[in-house]
């Protein structure tokens, strides 16, 4: 497994440094628990070779901008950031967990992270509620195969998530099998 690099800058508060330390350790445990999940086997440089405007290329740009490499078995987490409009700030990382829980990604790690950050970041509850509501309104992405979507237009994938019209039949055929993931109305 590739090393995870989390910067513990001094300008972070004690609470932020503690959460970053916890995140660093949880990511390692998460990768071990999901060791049977397929590894994408791609570096950010590989993703940048996807055509401009595709999810793969945008993901490569994001990883380059953040000076990150994909972490084995957790690669789709980075796709969540760019598709759902969450930065890598601690507040956004926490808010993204609330989006994902509301969106149907019910895993021990997502639930635990949401619960823990709710307890230690009560000043961010408004942000968390807003993210939760956005997650409820979006199409469930909990079981999407993001590796198969790397060659799809980024704008189309994002539009599909947020229930906007998409005429890309190839993309729609990739996400249709997951349309029944949640009881919310799904319009393809």
Protein backbone atom coordinates (compact mmCIF):
# COMPACT_ATOMS: atom_id res chain seq x y z
CA UNK A 1 0.00 0.00 0.00
CA UNK A 2 1.22 3.50 -0.82
CA UNK A 3 2.02 5.81 2.07
CA UNK A 4 -0.57 8.41 2.93
CA UNK A 5 0.87 11.86 3.40
CA UNK A 6 -1.07 14.17 5.69
CA UNK A 7 0.46 17.50 6.56
CA UNK A 8 0.32 18.48 10.22
CA UNK A 9 0.95 22.19 9.72
CA UNK A 10 1.40 24.27 12.83
CA UNK A 11 -1.42 26.62 11.83
CA UNK A 12 -3.88 23.79 12.48
CA UNK A 13 -5.59 23.89 15.85
CA UNK A 14 -5.13 21.08 18.33
CA UNK A 15 -8.55 19.72 17.30
CA UNK A 16 -7.57 19.77 13.63
CA UNK A 17 -4.22 18.07 14.30
CA UNK A 18 -5.99 15.35 16.34
CA UNK A 19 -8.52 14.78 13.55
CA UNK A 20 -5.77 14.61 10.93
CA UNK A 21 -3.89 12.07 13.05
CA UNK A 22 -7.06 10.02 13.36
CA UNK A 23 -7.73 10.28 9.62
CA UNK A 24 -4.21 9.10 8.87
CA UNK A 25 -4.76 5.98 10.99
CA UNK A 26 -8.32 5.29 9.81
CA UNK A 27 -7.33 5.36 6.14
CA UNK A 28 -4.75 2.64 6.75
CA UNK A 29 -7.30 0.48 8.59
CA UNK A 30 -9.90 1.14 5.87
CA UNK A 31 -7.52 -0.11 3.18
CA UNK A 32 -6.80 -3.26 5.18
CA UNK A 33 -10.51 -3.98 5.82
CA UNK A 34 -11.27 -3.58 2.12
CA UNK A 35 -8.20 -5.48 0.95
CA UNK A 36 -10.33 -7.49 -1.51
CA UNK A 37 -11.50 -4.32 -3.25
CA UNK A 38 -9.72 -4.08 -6.61
CA UNK A 39 -6.81 -1.67 -6.86
CA UNK A 40 -7.03 0.74 -9.79
CA UNK A 41 -3.28 0.53 -10.35
CA UNK A 42 -3.11 4.14 -11.57
CA UNK A 43 -0.93 7.03 -10.56
CA UNK A 44 -1.99 10.63 -11.05
CA UNK A 45 0.31 10.74 -14.08
CA UNK A 46 -1.67 7.86 -15.62
CA UNK A 47 -4.91 9.73 -15.02
CA UNK A 48 -3.56 12.84 -16.71
CA UNK A 49 -3.24 10.74 -19.90
CA UNK A 50 -7.03 10.45 -20.14
CA UNK A 51 -8.47 12.89 -22.67
CA UNK A 52 -8.99 16.45 -21.42
CA UNK A 53 -12.45 16.89 -19.93
CA UNK A 54 -12.86 13.29 -18.77
CA UNK A 55 -13.29 12.25 -15.16
CA UNK A 56 -9.89 10.54 -15.30
CA UNK A 57 -8.10 13.67 -16.50
CA UNK A 58 -9.87 15.90 -13.98
CA UNK A 59 -8.97 13.46 -11.21
CA UNK A 60 -5.33 13.55 -12.33
CA UNK A 61 -5.40 17.36 -12.27
CA UNK A 62 -6.93 17.37 -8.78
CA UNK A 63 -4.33 14.95 -7.44
CA UNK A 64 -1.52 16.98 -9.01
CA UNK A 65 -2.90 20.23 -7.58
CA UNK A 66 -3.12 18.64 -4.11
CA UNK A 67 0.30 16.92 -4.45
CA UNK A 68 -1.37 13.56 -3.84
CA UNK A 69 -1.24 10.08 -5.32
CA UNK A 70 -4.21 7.70 -5.23
CA UNK A 71 -4.31 5.40 -2.21
CA UNK A 72 -4.92 1.75 -3.08
CA UNK A 73 -8.53 0.66 -2.56
CA UNK A 74 -9.61 4.19 -1.62
CA UNK A 75 -9.18 5.76 -5.05
CA UNK A 76 -12.83 6.68 -5.48
CA UNK A 77 -12.65 8.95 -2.43
CA UNK A 78 -10.68 11.42 -4.54
CA UNK A 79 -13.36 11.26 -7.25
CA UNK A 80 -15.93 12.16 -4.60
CA UNK A 81 -14.02 15.38 -3.87
CA UNK A 82 -14.16 16.72 -7.41
CA UNK A 83 -17.58 15.40 -8.37
CA UNK A 84 -19.32 16.54 -5.20
CA UNK A 85 -17.48 19.88 -4.88
CA UNK A 86 -15.66 19.26 -1.61
CA UNK A 87 -12.11 20.51 -1.04
CA UNK A 88 -9.55 18.63 1.01
CA UNK A 89 -9.94 21.02 3.96
CA UNK A 90 -10.81 19.32 7.22
CA UNK A 91 -14.26 20.95 7.27
CA UNK A 92 -15.03 19.74 3.74
CA UNK A 93 -13.66 16.24 4.42
CA UNK A 94 -16.07 15.99 7.35
CA UNK A 95 -18.98 17.51 5.41
CA UNK A 96 -18.39 15.07 2.57
CA UNK A 97 -19.03 12.18 4.97
CA UNK A 98 -22.47 13.62 5.74
CA UNK A 99 -23.20 13.94 2.01
CA UNK A 100 -22.17 10.31 1.50
CA UNK A 101 -24.23 8.97 4.42
CA UNK A 102 -27.32 10.79 3.15
CA UNK A 103 -26.55 9.56 -0.35
CA UNK A 104 -26.61 5.90 0.69
CA UNK A 105 -22.94 5.12 1.35
CA UNK A 106 -23.50 3.40 4.65
CA UNK A 107 -20.18 1.94 5.77
CA UNK A 108 -18.71 1.69 9.25
CA UNK A 109 -16.02 4.20 8.31
CA UNK A 110 -18.37 6.77 6.81
CA UNK A 111 -20.80 6.51 9.72
CA UNK A 112 -18.04 6.62 12.34
CA UNK A 113 -16.37 9.62 10.72
CA UNK A 114 -19.66 11.49 10.50
CA UNK A 115 -20.55 10.69 14.11
CA UNK A 116 -17.10 11.56 15.44
CA UNK A 117 -16.87 14.87 13.57
CA UNK A 118 -20.39 15.75 14.67
CA UNK A 119 -19.22 15.38 18.27
CA UNK A 120 -15.93 17.24 17.98
CA UNK A 121 -17.02 19.91 15.47
CA UNK A 122 -20.36 21.21 16.80
CA UNK A 123 -19.56 24.62 15.32
CA UNK A 124 -19.81 23.01 11.83
CA UNK A 125 -23.25 21.42 12.20
CA UNK A 126 -24.78 23.91 9.76
CA UNK A 127 -22.24 22.85 7.12
CA UNK A 128 -22.92 19.17 7.89
CA UNK A 129 -26.70 19.61 7.61
CA UNK A 130 -26.30 21.41 4.29
CA UNK A 131 -24.06 18.60 2.95
CA UNK A 132 -26.50 15.96 4.22
CA UNK A 133 -29.39 17.64 2.38
CA UNK A 134 -27.36 17.84 -0.83
CA UNK A 135 -26.58 14.13 -0.50
CA UNK A 136 -30.28 13.27 -0.14
CA UNK A 137 -31.14 15.20 -3.30
CA UNK A 138 -28.37 13.61 -5.39
CA UNK A 139 -28.54 10.27 -7.20
CA UNK A 140 -27.03 7.51 -5.07
CA UNK A 141 -23.42 6.85 -6.05
CA UNK A 142 -22.66 4.38 -3.26
CA UNK A 143 -22.16 1.45 -5.62
CA UNK A 144 -20.90 3.14 -8.76
CA UNK A 145 -17.78 1.72 -10.38
CA UNK A 146 -15.76 4.91 -10.75
CA UNK A 147 -12.87 3.13 -12.46
CA UNK A 148 -15.19 2.39 -15.40
CA UNK A 149 -16.21 6.05 -15.49
CA UNK A 150 -12.72 7.54 -15.83
CA UNK A 151 -13.09 7.80 -19.62
CA UNK A 152 -16.47 9.55 -19.39
CA UNK A 153 -16.90 13.33 -19.67
CA UNK A 154 -16.53 14.86 -16.22
CA UNK A 155 -19.45 17.25 -16.79
CA UNK A 156 -21.76 14.36 -17.72
CA UNK A 157 -20.83 12.28 -14.65
CA UNK A 158 -21.38 15.27 -12.38
CA UNK A 159 -24.68 16.12 -14.09
CA UNK A 160 -25.87 12.53 -13.64
CA UNK A 161 -25.09 12.66 -9.91
CA UNK A 162 -27.04 15.87 -9.43
CA UNK A 163 -30.04 14.67 -11.46
CA UNK A 164 -29.47 17.00 -14.40
CA UNK A 165 -30.25 15.90 -17.97
CA UNK A 166 -27.59 13.68 -19.55
CA UNK A 167 -27.79 12.33 -23.08
CA UNK A 168 -24.58 10.27 -22.91
CA UNK A 169 -25.98 6.75 -23.44
CA UNK A 170 -22.65 5.06 -22.73
CA UNK A 171 -22.47 6.74 -19.31
CA UNK A 172 -26.13 6.03 -18.58
CA UNK A 173 -25.63 2.34 -19.38
CA UNK A 174 -22.81 2.24 -16.82
CA UNK A 175 -24.89 3.78 -14.02
CA UNK A 176 -28.35 2.30 -14.78
CA UNK A 177 -27.64 -0.94 -12.88
CA UNK A 178 -27.31 1.16 -9.73
CA UNK A 179 -30.52 3.15 -10.22
CA UNK A 180 -32.35 1.01 -7.66
CA UNK A 181 -29.74 1.53 -4.91
CA UNK A 182 -32.04 3.87 -3.05
CA UNK A 183 -35.76 4.37 -2.88
CA UNK A 184 -35.47 7.99 -4.05
CA UNK A 185 -36.90 8.74 -7.49
CA UNK A 186 -34.30 8.31 -10.20
CA UNK A 187 -34.64 10.01 -13.55
CA UNK A 188 -32.20 8.89 -16.17
